[in-house]
């Protein structure tokens, strides 16, 4: 092969390589663009999921706080009612003890 034929061959290979490079670059750009779109969709989904989770967590916290407040209120009411009943029983027992003592002292 002559120098001119080699130069022509190399020039043809360079052009072929440049064309292949352009095709590869175009395909890469298309794939990268598609990938960017997919990543954007995933990012939007993550943001939406985070917002939904935050909202639901807030709702659950409110429910728990309301339930806790209701339970504490019921316990306070029950405690007050038990305390009232105990005082009534203690007064009744004290009154009965006083009556028993009066009866015992009057019969002796």
N, C-alpha and C. Protein backbone atom coordinates (compact mmCIF):
# COMPACT_ATOMS: atom_id res chain seq x y z
N UNK A 1 0.84 -1.17 0.00
CA UNK A 1 0.00 0.00 0.00
C UNK A 1 0.89 1.24 0.00
N UNK A 2 0.43 2.20 -0.71
CA UNK A 2 1.22 3.43 -0.83
C UNK A 2 0.84 4.37 0.31
N UNK A 3 1.66 5.39 0.47
CA UNK A 3 1.38 6.39 1.51
C UNK A 3 0.04 7.08 1.26
N UNK A 4 -0.25 7.35 0.02
CA UNK A 4 -1.52 8.01 -0.31
C UNK A 4 -2.70 7.10 0.01
N UNK A 5 -2.57 5.84 -0.28
CA UNK A 5 -3.65 4.89 0.03
C UNK A 5 -3.84 4.77 1.54
N UNK A 6 -2.72 4.74 2.27
CA UNK A 6 -2.82 4.68 3.74
C UNK A 6 -3.46 5.94 4.29
N UNK A 7 -3.05 7.10 3.73
CA UNK A 7 -3.66 8.37 4.17
C UNK A 7 -5.16 8.36 3.89
N UNK A 8 -5.53 7.88 2.75
CA UNK A 8 -6.96 7.80 2.40
C UNK A 8 -7.69 6.85 3.33
N UNK A 9 -7.06 5.73 3.59
CA UNK A 9 -7.67 4.76 4.50
C UNK A 9 -7.85 5.35 5.90
N UNK A 10 -6.79 6.01 6.39
CA UNK A 10 -6.87 6.64 7.72
C UNK A 10 -7.91 7.77 7.73
N UNK A 11 -7.95 8.53 6.65
CA UNK A 11 -8.94 9.61 6.57
C UNK A 11 -10.35 9.03 6.59
N UNK A 12 -10.56 7.94 5.88
CA UNK A 12 -11.86 7.26 5.89
C UNK A 12 -12.21 6.74 7.27
N UNK A 13 -11.20 6.16 7.93
CA UNK A 13 -11.43 5.66 9.30
C UNK A 13 -11.75 6.80 10.26
N UNK A 14 -11.05 7.94 10.08
CA UNK A 14 -11.32 9.10 10.94
C UNK A 14 -12.76 9.58 10.75
N UNK A 15 -13.19 9.67 9.49
CA UNK A 15 -14.56 10.12 9.22
C UNK A 15 -15.57 9.12 9.79
N UNK A 16 -15.28 7.85 9.60
CA UNK A 16 -16.16 6.81 10.15
C UNK A 16 -16.20 6.90 11.67
N UNK A 17 -15.04 7.12 12.26
CA UNK A 17 -14.95 7.25 13.71
C UNK A 17 -15.69 8.50 14.18
N UNK A 18 -15.54 9.61 13.47
CA UNK A 18 -16.22 10.84 13.84
C UNK A 18 -17.73 10.67 13.74
N UNK A 19 -18.19 10.00 12.68
CA UNK A 19 -19.62 9.74 12.50
C UNK A 19 -20.14 8.84 13.63
N UNK A 20 -19.38 7.80 13.92
CA UNK A 20 -19.78 6.89 15.00
C UNK A 20 -19.79 7.64 16.34
N UNK A 21 -18.81 8.52 16.51
CA UNK A 21 -18.76 9.32 17.75
C UNK A 21 -19.99 10.21 17.86
N UNK A 22 -20.36 10.85 16.76
CA UNK A 22 -21.56 11.71 16.76
C UNK A 22 -22.81 10.90 17.06
N UNK A 23 -22.93 9.73 16.44
CA UNK A 23 -24.08 8.86 16.70
C UNK A 23 -24.13 8.43 18.16
N UNK A 24 -22.96 8.02 18.66
CA UNK A 24 -22.88 7.61 20.06
C UNK A 24 -23.25 8.77 20.98
N UNK A 25 -22.74 9.95 20.66
CA UNK A 25 -23.04 11.13 21.48
C UNK A 25 -24.54 11.44 21.45
N UNK A 26 -25.15 11.37 20.28
CA UNK A 26 -26.58 11.62 20.15
C UNK A 26 -27.39 10.62 20.98
N UNK A 27 -27.02 9.33 20.86
CA UNK A 27 -27.71 8.30 21.64
C UNK A 27 -27.51 8.52 23.14
N UNK A 28 -26.30 8.90 23.51
CA UNK A 28 -26.02 9.18 24.92
C UNK A 28 -26.85 10.35 25.42
N UNK A 29 -26.93 11.43 24.60
CA UNK A 29 -27.72 12.60 24.99
C UNK A 29 -29.19 12.24 25.16
N UNK A 30 -29.71 11.42 24.24
CA UNK A 30 -31.12 10.99 24.35
C UNK A 30 -31.31 10.17 25.61
N UNK A 31 -30.40 9.22 25.85
CA UNK A 31 -30.50 8.37 27.04
C UNK A 31 -30.36 9.21 28.31
N UNK A 32 -29.43 10.17 28.30
CA UNK A 32 -29.24 11.03 29.47
C UNK A 32 -30.48 11.88 29.71
N UNK A 33 -31.08 12.39 28.65
CA UNK A 33 -32.30 13.19 28.79
C UNK A 33 -33.44 12.35 29.36
N UNK A 34 -33.58 11.12 28.84
CA UNK A 34 -34.61 10.22 29.38
C UNK A 34 -34.34 9.92 30.86
N UNK A 35 -33.08 9.71 31.19
CA UNK A 35 -32.71 9.43 32.57
C UNK A 35 -33.02 10.63 33.47
N UNK A 36 -32.75 11.85 32.97
CA UNK A 36 -33.08 13.05 33.75
C UNK A 36 -34.58 13.11 34.04
N UNK A 37 -35.38 12.79 33.02
CA UNK A 37 -36.84 12.80 33.20
C UNK A 37 -37.26 11.78 34.26
N UNK A 38 -36.68 10.59 34.19
CA UNK A 38 -36.99 9.54 35.17
C UNK A 38 -36.57 9.97 36.58
N UNK A 39 -35.40 10.56 36.68
CA UNK A 39 -34.92 11.03 37.98
C UNK A 39 -35.84 12.11 38.52
N UNK A 40 -36.29 13.01 37.65
CA UNK A 40 -37.22 14.07 38.06
C UNK A 40 -38.52 13.47 38.58
N UNK A 41 -39.02 12.45 37.88
CA UNK A 41 -40.25 11.79 38.35
C UNK A 41 -40.06 11.15 39.72
N UNK A 42 -38.92 10.49 39.89
CA UNK A 42 -38.62 9.87 41.19
C UNK A 42 -38.52 10.94 42.27
N UNK A 43 -37.85 12.05 41.97
CA UNK A 43 -37.70 13.13 42.95
C UNK A 43 -39.07 13.71 43.32
N UNK A 44 -39.93 13.91 42.34
CA UNK A 44 -41.28 14.42 42.62
C UNK A 44 -42.06 13.42 43.47
N UNK A 45 -41.89 12.15 43.17
CA UNK A 45 -42.56 11.11 43.96
C UNK A 45 -42.06 11.11 45.40
N UNK A 46 -40.77 11.28 45.58
CA UNK A 46 -40.20 11.32 46.94
C UNK A 46 -40.75 12.52 47.70
N UNK A 47 -40.82 13.68 47.03
CA UNK A 47 -41.36 14.88 47.68
C UNK A 47 -42.81 14.65 48.07
N UNK A 48 -43.59 14.09 47.15
CA UNK A 48 -45.00 13.82 47.44
C UNK A 48 -45.14 12.84 48.60
N UNK A 49 -44.33 11.79 48.57
CA UNK A 49 -44.39 10.79 49.64
C UNK A 49 -44.02 11.41 50.98
N UNK A 50 -43.00 12.25 50.99
CA UNK A 50 -42.58 12.93 52.23
C UNK A 50 -43.70 13.82 52.75
N UNK A 51 -44.34 14.57 51.86
CA UNK A 51 -45.44 15.44 52.28
C UNK A 51 -46.60 14.62 52.85
N UNK A 52 -46.93 13.53 52.17
CA UNK A 52 -48.02 12.66 52.64
C UNK A 52 -47.67 12.04 53.99
N UNK A 53 -46.44 11.59 54.14
CA UNK A 53 -46.00 11.01 55.40
C UNK A 53 -46.04 12.05 56.52
N UNK A 54 -45.60 13.26 56.22
CA UNK A 54 -45.64 14.33 57.22
C UNK A 54 -47.08 14.63 57.63
N UNK A 55 -47.97 14.69 56.64
CA UNK A 55 -49.38 14.95 56.93
C UNK A 55 -49.98 13.84 57.80
N UNK A 56 -49.73 12.60 57.40
CA UNK A 56 -50.30 11.47 58.15
C UNK A 56 -49.69 11.37 59.55
N UNK A 57 -48.41 11.65 59.67
CA UNK A 57 -47.77 11.63 60.97
C UNK A 57 -48.39 12.68 61.88
N UNK A 58 -48.65 13.86 61.31
CA UNK A 58 -49.30 14.92 62.08
C UNK A 58 -50.69 14.51 62.53
N UNK A 59 -51.45 13.88 61.63
CA UNK A 59 -52.79 13.42 61.98
C UNK A 59 -52.73 12.39 63.09
N UNK A 60 -51.80 11.45 62.99
CA UNK A 60 -51.66 10.42 64.01
C UNK A 60 -51.28 11.04 65.36
N UNK A 61 -50.39 12.01 65.33
CA UNK A 61 -49.98 12.68 66.57
C UNK A 61 -51.18 13.38 67.21
N UNK A 62 -52.00 14.03 66.39
CA UNK A 62 -53.19 14.70 66.92
C UNK A 62 -54.15 13.69 67.53
N UNK A 63 -54.36 12.55 66.85
CA UNK A 63 -55.25 11.51 67.38
C UNK A 63 -54.72 10.98 68.71
N UNK A 64 -53.43 10.74 68.77
CA UNK A 64 -52.83 10.22 70.00
C UNK A 64 -52.99 11.23 71.12
N UNK A 65 -52.73 12.50 70.83
CA UNK A 65 -52.85 13.54 71.85
C UNK A 65 -54.29 13.67 72.34
N UNK A 66 -55.26 13.61 71.39
CA UNK A 66 -56.67 13.68 71.80
C UNK A 66 -57.05 12.48 72.66
N UNK A 67 -56.61 11.28 72.22
CA UNK A 67 -56.91 10.06 72.98
C UNK A 67 -56.28 10.12 74.36
N UNK A 68 -55.06 10.60 74.44
CA UNK A 68 -54.38 10.73 75.73
C UNK A 68 -55.10 11.72 76.63
N UNK A 69 -55.51 12.85 76.05
CA UNK A 69 -56.24 13.86 76.84
C UNK A 69 -57.57 13.28 77.33
N UNK A 70 -58.27 12.54 76.46
CA UNK A 70 -59.54 11.91 76.86
C UNK A 70 -59.31 10.90 77.98
N UNK A 71 -58.28 10.09 77.83
CA UNK A 71 -57.98 9.08 78.85
C UNK A 71 -57.63 9.73 80.18
N UNK A 72 -56.81 10.76 80.14
CA UNK A 72 -56.45 11.46 81.37
C UNK A 72 -57.67 12.09 82.02
N UNK A 73 -58.56 12.63 81.20
CA UNK A 73 -59.79 13.22 81.73
C UNK A 73 -60.65 12.16 82.41
N UNK A 74 -60.77 10.99 81.77
CA UNK A 74 -61.56 9.91 82.36
C UNK A 74 -60.92 9.42 83.67
N UNK A 75 -59.61 9.34 83.69
CA UNK A 75 -58.92 8.90 84.91
C UNK A 75 -59.15 9.91 86.02
N UNK A 76 -59.03 11.21 85.69
CA UNK A 76 -59.27 12.23 86.73
C UNK A 76 -60.69 12.14 87.26
N UNK A 77 -61.66 11.96 86.34
CA UNK A 77 -63.06 11.84 86.75
C UNK A 77 -63.24 10.61 87.64
N UNK A 78 -62.68 9.47 87.21
CA UNK A 78 -62.80 8.24 88.00
C UNK A 78 -62.13 8.40 89.36
N UNK A 79 -60.98 9.02 89.37
CA UNK A 79 -60.27 9.24 90.63
C UNK A 79 -61.10 10.13 91.55
N UNK A 80 -61.67 11.19 91.02
CA UNK A 80 -62.49 12.09 91.83
C UNK A 80 -63.71 11.35 92.37
N UNK A 81 -64.33 10.52 91.52
CA UNK A 81 -65.51 9.75 91.96
C UNK A 81 -65.13 8.75 93.04
N UNK A 82 -64.02 8.04 92.86
CA UNK A 82 -63.56 7.10 93.88
C UNK A 82 -63.22 7.81 95.17
N UNK A 83 -62.57 8.96 95.05
CA UNK A 83 -62.22 9.74 96.24
C UNK A 83 -63.48 10.16 96.99
N UNK A 84 -64.49 10.61 96.26
CA UNK A 84 -65.76 11.01 96.89
C UNK A 84 -66.41 9.83 97.60
N UNK A 85 -66.41 8.66 96.94
CA UNK A 85 -67.02 7.47 97.53
C UNK A 85 -66.25 7.03 98.78
N UNK A 86 -64.92 7.09 98.71
CA UNK A 86 -64.11 6.72 99.88
C UNK A 86 -64.40 7.65 101.06
N UNK A 87 -64.47 8.95 100.79
CA UNK A 87 -64.76 9.88 101.88
C UNK A 87 -66.13 9.59 102.49
N UNK A 88 -67.11 9.27 101.64
CA UNK A 88 -68.45 8.93 102.13
C UNK A 88 -68.39 7.69 103.02
N UNK A 89 -67.66 6.66 102.55
CA UNK A 89 -67.52 5.44 103.35
C UNK A 89 -66.79 5.69 104.65
N UNK A 90 -65.73 6.49 104.59
CA UNK A 90 -64.97 6.80 105.81
C UNK A 90 -65.85 7.56 106.80
N UNK A 91 -66.66 8.49 106.30
CA UNK A 91 -67.57 9.24 107.18
C UNK A 91 -68.61 8.31 107.78
N UNK A 92 -69.12 7.38 106.95
CA UNK A 92 -70.13 6.43 107.43
C UNK A 92 -69.53 5.52 108.49
N UNK A 93 -68.32 5.02 108.25
CA UNK A 93 -67.66 4.15 109.23
C UNK A 93 -67.39 4.92 110.51
N UNK A 94 -66.91 6.15 110.39
CA UNK A 94 -66.64 6.96 111.58
C UNK A 94 -67.92 7.21 112.36
N UNK A 95 -69.00 7.47 111.63
CA UNK A 95 -70.29 7.69 112.29
C UNK A 95 -70.77 6.42 112.99
N UNK A 96 -70.61 5.26 112.32
CA UNK A 96 -71.01 3.99 112.93
C UNK A 96 -70.16 3.68 114.16
N UNK A 97 -68.86 3.96 114.07
CA UNK A 97 -67.99 3.72 115.22
C UNK A 97 -68.42 4.60 116.40
N UNK A 98 -68.76 5.82 116.11
CA UNK A 98 -69.21 6.72 117.19
C UNK A 98 -70.50 6.20 117.81
N UNK A 99 -71.42 5.73 116.99
CA UNK A 99 -72.68 5.19 117.51
C UNK A 99 -72.45 3.95 118.35
N UNK A 100 -71.53 3.05 117.86
CA UNK A 100 -71.22 1.83 118.61
C UNK A 100 -70.62 2.22 119.96
N UNK A 101 -69.71 3.16 119.98
CA UNK A 101 -69.10 3.59 121.25
C UNK A 101 -70.15 4.18 122.19
N UNK A 102 -71.06 4.97 121.67
CA UNK A 102 -72.11 5.53 122.52
C UNK A 102 -73.00 4.43 123.09
N UNK A 103 -73.32 3.43 122.24
CA UNK A 103 -74.15 2.33 122.73
C UNK A 103 -73.42 1.51 123.78
N UNK A 104 -72.14 1.27 123.55
CA UNK A 104 -71.37 0.49 124.51
C UNK A 104 -71.24 1.25 125.84
N UNK A 105 -71.06 2.53 125.78
CA UNK A 105 -70.92 3.29 127.02
C UNK A 105 -72.27 3.43 127.74
N UNK A 106 -73.34 3.45 127.00
CA UNK A 106 -74.65 3.59 127.64
C UNK A 106 -75.13 2.28 128.27
N UNK A 107 -74.67 1.16 127.82
CA UNK A 107 -75.10 -0.13 128.36
C UNK A 107 -74.21 -0.58 129.50
N UNK A 108 -73.12 0.03 129.74
CA UNK A 108 -72.23 -0.40 130.82
C UNK A 108 -72.35 0.47 131.99
